[in-house]
Each structure stands twice: as structure tokens, then as C-alpha cells.
Amino acid sequence: MLLKENTLKLSTLNKTWIFDFDGTLVVHNGYKTGEDRFLDGAKEFLQSIPEDDFVIIMTARETAAKDKTEKFLKENNIRYDRILFEMPMGERILINDNKPSGLKCAYALCPNRNEGFNNINIELDENL
């Protein structure tokens, strides 16, 4: 349930998290001009995701950047279950059903490029 801009009220069930990489988690194309650098709050947000949740990272980066990208994530102790390279640069569409209980099962937050995670808040509600 969206409470206010960039605040989600979520159930205590295990979740699937899907993240774009460049411009969402790290400075857009930083790897092309130097080194990757996490955007404000992104590293901490990723590290706060419970171990039982599933984490998918998507990127338009070419597979030639795979080793460098995975090394960066490992050096920063970022846990993820899948990373997908060479994803299309256009819109990313998630279609998912809601539970009969009324639990909404899909959300999208779209921060501006390189904005970081400081304005994204998650609240767990045991009643959902």
C-alpha cells in the first residue's frame, strides 16, 4: 500500500526485489568513466533486505562488464540472487496479480536518475 510518495507499507511475507543498476543503485555509467559508486542510501537499502527475500538486478550493461560489475557487488557485500545483463533500455513492465485477501502484490518506485534511496521508506505491517 502506497502511504505517501516513496513510502511503501508492505506485508511481512518474503518478497522479490527487482532493481535497475545504473542510475538507480550506482551512478549512471560510472563504470565507463572510472569506477562504480553507490548512490546515497542504495548500499544500505540493499544490505537491509532480509536474507529470505529474492533480489534481482537488471542492467543494460554489456556482458563484457559482467566481471567488473559482479566484483564491485562482492567487494561491497551486496547479496543478490540473479543479475541480468544486456536488458533493453526501454520501459520495464511488471504485471502481477493481487491476492484475494486484498494484498497488492506489485509496486513500482521510479526515482529520478542518480537520485539515490534517501527518500524511499519501507514500513512492514503485520496486518497485511
C-alpha atoms as a PDB file:
ATOM      1  CA  MET A   1       0.000   0.000   0.000  1.00  0.00           C
ATOM      2  CA  LEU A   2       1.486   3.347  -1.000  1.00  0.00           C
ATOM      3  CA  LEU A   3       1.231   5.605   2.049  1.00  0.00           C
ATOM      4  CA  LYS A   4       2.775   8.761   0.661  1.00  0.00           C
ATOM      5  CA  GLU A   5       5.294   9.499  -2.042  1.00  0.00           C
ATOM      6  CA  ASN A   6       8.128   6.926  -1.928  1.00  0.00           C
ATOM      7  CA  THR A   7       6.887   5.194   1.248  1.00  0.00           C
ATOM      8  CA  LEU A   8       5.611   1.643   0.970  1.00  0.00           C
ATOM      9  CA  LYS A   9       3.648  -0.220   3.607  1.00  0.00           C
ATOM     10  CA  LEU A  10       4.372  -3.910   2.965  1.00  0.00           C
ATOM     11  CA  SER A  11       3.397  -7.271   4.432  1.00  0.00           C
ATOM     12  CA  THR A  12       5.814  -9.415   6.422  1.00  0.00           C
ATOM     13  CA  LEU A  13       5.788 -12.081   3.666  1.00  0.00           C
ATOM     14  CA  ASN A  14       9.002 -12.812   1.749  1.00  0.00           C
ATOM     15  CA  LYS A  15       9.426 -10.512  -1.228  1.00  0.00           C
ATOM     16  CA  THR A  16      11.023 -10.324  -4.650  1.00  0.00           C
ATOM     17  CA  TRP A  17      13.015  -7.140  -5.192  1.00  0.00           C
ATOM     18  CA  ILE A  18      13.864  -6.044  -8.752  1.00  0.00           C
ATOM     19  CA  PHE A  19      16.377  -3.255  -9.219  1.00  0.00           C
ATOM     20  CA  ASP A  20      17.809  -1.401 -12.166  1.00  0.00           C
ATOM     21  CA  PHE A  21      21.544  -0.861 -11.705  1.00  0.00           C
ATOM     22  CA  ASP A  22      22.907   2.277 -13.420  1.00  0.00           C
ATOM     23  CA  GLY A  23      21.233   5.474 -12.270  1.00  0.00           C
ATOM     24  CA  THR A  24      19.201   3.617  -9.626  1.00  0.00           C
ATOM     25  CA  LEU A  25      21.765   1.829  -7.421  1.00  0.00           C
ATOM     26  CA  VAL A  26      25.006   3.315  -8.764  1.00  0.00           C
ATOM     27  CA  VAL A  27      25.961   6.494 -10.613  1.00  0.00           C
ATOM     28  CA  HIS A  28      24.783   6.141 -14.201  1.00  0.00           C
ATOM     29  CA  ASN A  29      27.593   4.866 -16.458  1.00  0.00           C
ATOM     30  CA  GLY A  30      30.207   5.468 -13.748  1.00  0.00           C
ATOM     31  CA  TYR A  31      31.919   2.245 -14.748  1.00  0.00           C
ATOM     32  CA  LYS A  32      32.608   3.724 -18.205  1.00  0.00           C
ATOM     33  CA  THR A  33      34.413   6.801 -16.887  1.00  0.00           C
ATOM     34  CA  GLY A  34      36.037   5.409 -13.756  1.00  0.00           C
ATOM     35  CA  GLU A  35      34.592   3.218 -11.064  1.00  0.00           C
ATOM     36  CA  ASP A  36      31.130   2.331  -9.857  1.00  0.00           C
ATOM     37  CA  ARG A  37      29.885   4.282  -6.845  1.00  0.00           C
ATOM     38  CA  PHE A  38      26.677   3.626  -4.925  1.00  0.00           C
ATOM     39  CA  LEU A  39      24.105   6.387  -4.865  1.00  0.00           C
ATOM     40  CA  ASP A  40      23.094   7.800  -1.484  1.00  0.00           C
ATOM     41  CA  GLY A  41      21.337   5.170   0.607  1.00  0.00           C
ATOM     42  CA  ALA A  42      21.396   2.448  -2.085  1.00  0.00           C
ATOM     43  CA  LYS A  43      24.044   0.233  -0.486  1.00  0.00           C
ATOM     44  CA  GLU A  44      22.365   0.439   2.910  1.00  0.00           C
ATOM     45  CA  PHE A  45      18.969  -0.281   1.369  1.00  0.00           C
ATOM     46  CA  LEU A  46      20.281  -3.385  -0.405  1.00  0.00           C
ATOM     47  CA  GLN A  47      22.009  -4.597   2.757  1.00  0.00           C
ATOM     48  CA  SER A  48      18.772  -4.186   4.734  1.00  0.00           C
ATOM     49  CA  ILE A  49      16.851  -6.654   2.554  1.00  0.00           C
ATOM     50  CA  PRO A  50      16.139  -9.842   4.523  1.00  0.00           C
ATOM     51  CA  GLU A  51      18.100 -12.964   3.531  1.00  0.00           C
ATOM     52  CA  ASP A  52      14.891 -14.848   2.685  1.00  0.00           C
ATOM     53  CA  ASP A  53      13.853 -12.257   0.099  1.00  0.00           C
ATOM     54  CA  PHE A  54      14.835 -12.724  -3.567  1.00  0.00           C
ATOM     55  CA  VAL A  55      16.909  -9.977  -5.218  1.00  0.00           C
ATOM     56  CA  ILE A  56      17.149  -9.441  -8.982  1.00  0.00           C
ATOM     57  CA  ILE A  57      19.386  -6.773 -10.507  1.00  0.00           C
ATOM     58  CA  MET A  58      18.849  -5.760 -14.128  1.00  0.00           C
ATOM     59  CA  THR A  59      21.196  -3.738 -16.266  1.00  0.00           C
ATOM     60  CA  ALA A  60      21.616  -2.691 -19.868  1.00  0.00           C
ATOM     61  CA  ARG A  61      25.366  -3.131 -19.392  1.00  0.00           C
ATOM     62  CA  GLU A  62      27.022  -5.344 -21.934  1.00  0.00           C
ATOM     63  CA  THR A  63      28.203  -8.753 -20.765  1.00  0.00           C
ATOM     64  CA  ALA A  64      31.790  -7.505 -21.172  1.00  0.00           C
ATOM     65  CA  ALA A  65      31.169  -5.538 -17.938  1.00  0.00           C
ATOM     66  CA  LYS A  66      29.902  -8.636 -16.070  1.00  0.00           C
ATOM     67  CA  ASP A  67      33.097  -9.475 -14.162  1.00  0.00           C
ATOM     68  CA  LYS A  68      33.720  -5.859 -13.129  1.00  0.00           C
ATOM     69  CA  THR A  69      30.094  -5.419 -12.016  1.00  0.00           C
ATOM     70  CA  GLU A  70      29.964  -8.661 -10.021  1.00  0.00           C
ATOM     71  CA  LYS A  71      33.341  -7.876  -8.405  1.00  0.00           C
ATOM     72  CA  PHE A  72      32.019  -4.464  -7.307  1.00  0.00           C
ATOM     73  CA  LEU A  73      28.929  -6.065  -5.738  1.00  0.00           C
ATOM     74  CA  LYS A  74      31.006  -8.731  -3.978  1.00  0.00           C
ATOM     75  CA  GLU A  75      33.522  -6.188  -2.622  1.00  0.00           C
ATOM     76  CA  ASN A  76      30.590  -4.230  -1.161  1.00  0.00           C
ATOM     77  CA  ASN A  77      28.940  -7.310   0.391  1.00  0.00           C
ATOM     78  CA  ILE A  78      25.809  -6.999  -1.732  1.00  0.00           C
ATOM     79  CA  ARG A  79      23.735 -10.160  -1.816  1.00  0.00           C
ATOM     80  CA  TYR A  80      21.665 -10.854  -4.904  1.00  0.00           C
ATOM     81  CA  ASP A  81      20.123 -13.949  -6.443  1.00  0.00           C
ATOM     82  CA  ARG A  82      20.263 -13.024 -10.144  1.00  0.00           C
ATOM     83  CA  ILE A  83      21.845 -10.316 -12.235  1.00  0.00           C
ATOM     84  CA  LEU A  84      20.670  -9.860 -15.803  1.00  0.00           C
ATOM     85  CA  PHE A  85      22.862  -8.075 -18.348  1.00  0.00           C
ATOM     86  CA  GLU A  86      22.029  -6.555 -21.751  1.00  0.00           C
ATOM     87  CA  MET A  87      18.460  -5.741 -20.764  1.00  0.00           C
ATOM     88  CA  PRO A  88      16.597  -3.405 -23.152  1.00  0.00           C
ATOM     89  CA  MET A  89      16.887   0.294 -22.297  1.00  0.00           C
ATOM     90  CA  GLY A  90      13.155   0.949 -22.662  1.00  0.00           C
ATOM     91  CA  GLU A  91      10.381   0.616 -20.111  1.00  0.00           C
ATOM     92  CA  ARG A  92      10.339  -2.282 -17.673  1.00  0.00           C
ATOM     93  CA  ILE A  93       6.851  -3.605 -17.115  1.00  0.00           C
ATOM     94  CA  LEU A  94       5.819  -5.818 -14.190  1.00  0.00           C
ATOM     95  CA  ILE A  95       2.418  -7.483 -14.340  1.00  0.00           C
ATOM     96  CA  ASN A  96       1.348  -9.397 -11.257  1.00  0.00           C
ATOM     97  CA  ASP A  97      -1.984 -10.375  -9.693  1.00  0.00           C
ATOM     98  CA  ASN A  98      -3.211  -9.193  -6.289  1.00  0.00           C
ATOM     99  CA  LYS A  99      -4.046 -11.722  -3.579  1.00  0.00           C
ATOM    100  CA  PRO A 100      -7.736 -12.452  -2.836  1.00  0.00           C
ATOM    101  CA  SER A 101      -7.075 -11.068   0.676  1.00  0.00           C
ATOM    102  CA  GLY A 102      -6.575  -7.651  -0.915  1.00  0.00           C
ATOM    103  CA  LEU A 103      -2.787  -7.662  -0.612  1.00  0.00           C
ATOM    104  CA  LYS A 104      -1.343  -5.660  -3.507  1.00  0.00           C
ATOM    105  CA  CYS A 105       1.493  -7.728  -4.985  1.00  0.00           C
ATOM    106  CA  ALA A 106       3.307  -5.265  -7.249  1.00  0.00           C
ATOM    107  CA  TYR A 107       4.742  -1.793  -6.777  1.00  0.00           C
ATOM    108  CA  ALA A 108       6.937   0.499  -8.819  1.00  0.00           C
ATOM    109  CA  LEU A 109       9.087   3.292  -7.479  1.00  0.00           C
ATOM    110  CA  CYS A 110      10.742   5.430 -10.117  1.00  0.00           C
ATOM    111  CA  PRO A 111      13.277   7.813  -8.590  1.00  0.00           C
ATOM    112  CA  ASN A 112      14.942  10.291 -10.920  1.00  0.00           C
ATOM    113  CA  ARG A 113      18.278   9.137 -12.351  1.00  0.00           C
ATOM    114  CA  ASN A 114      21.116   9.307  -9.799  1.00  0.00           C
ATOM    115  CA  GLU A 115      18.689  10.443  -7.045  1.00  0.00           C
ATOM    116  CA  GLY A 116      19.550   7.611  -4.648  1.00  0.00           C
ATOM    117  CA  PHE A 117      17.484   5.977  -1.931  1.00  0.00           C
ATOM    118  CA  ASN A 118      17.343   8.592   0.797  1.00  0.00           C
ATOM    119  CA  ASN A 119      13.690   9.366   0.008  1.00  0.00           C
ATOM    120  CA  ILE A 120      12.497   5.750  -0.145  1.00  0.00           C
ATOM    121  CA  ASN A 121      10.967   4.312   3.010  1.00  0.00           C
ATOM    122  CA  ILE A 122       9.623   0.828   3.715  1.00  0.00           C
ATOM    123  CA  GLU A 123       7.259   0.010   6.561  1.00  0.00           C
ATOM    124  CA  LEU A 124       6.185  -3.536   7.454  1.00  0.00           C
ATOM    125  CA  ASP A 125       2.602  -4.123   8.565  1.00  0.00           C
ATOM    126  CA  GLU A 126       1.799  -7.461  10.196  1.00  0.00           C
ATOM    127  CA  ASN A 127      -1.883  -6.923   9.361  1.00  0.00           C
ATOM    128  CA  LEU A 128      -1.323  -7.137   5.594  1.00  0.00           C
END
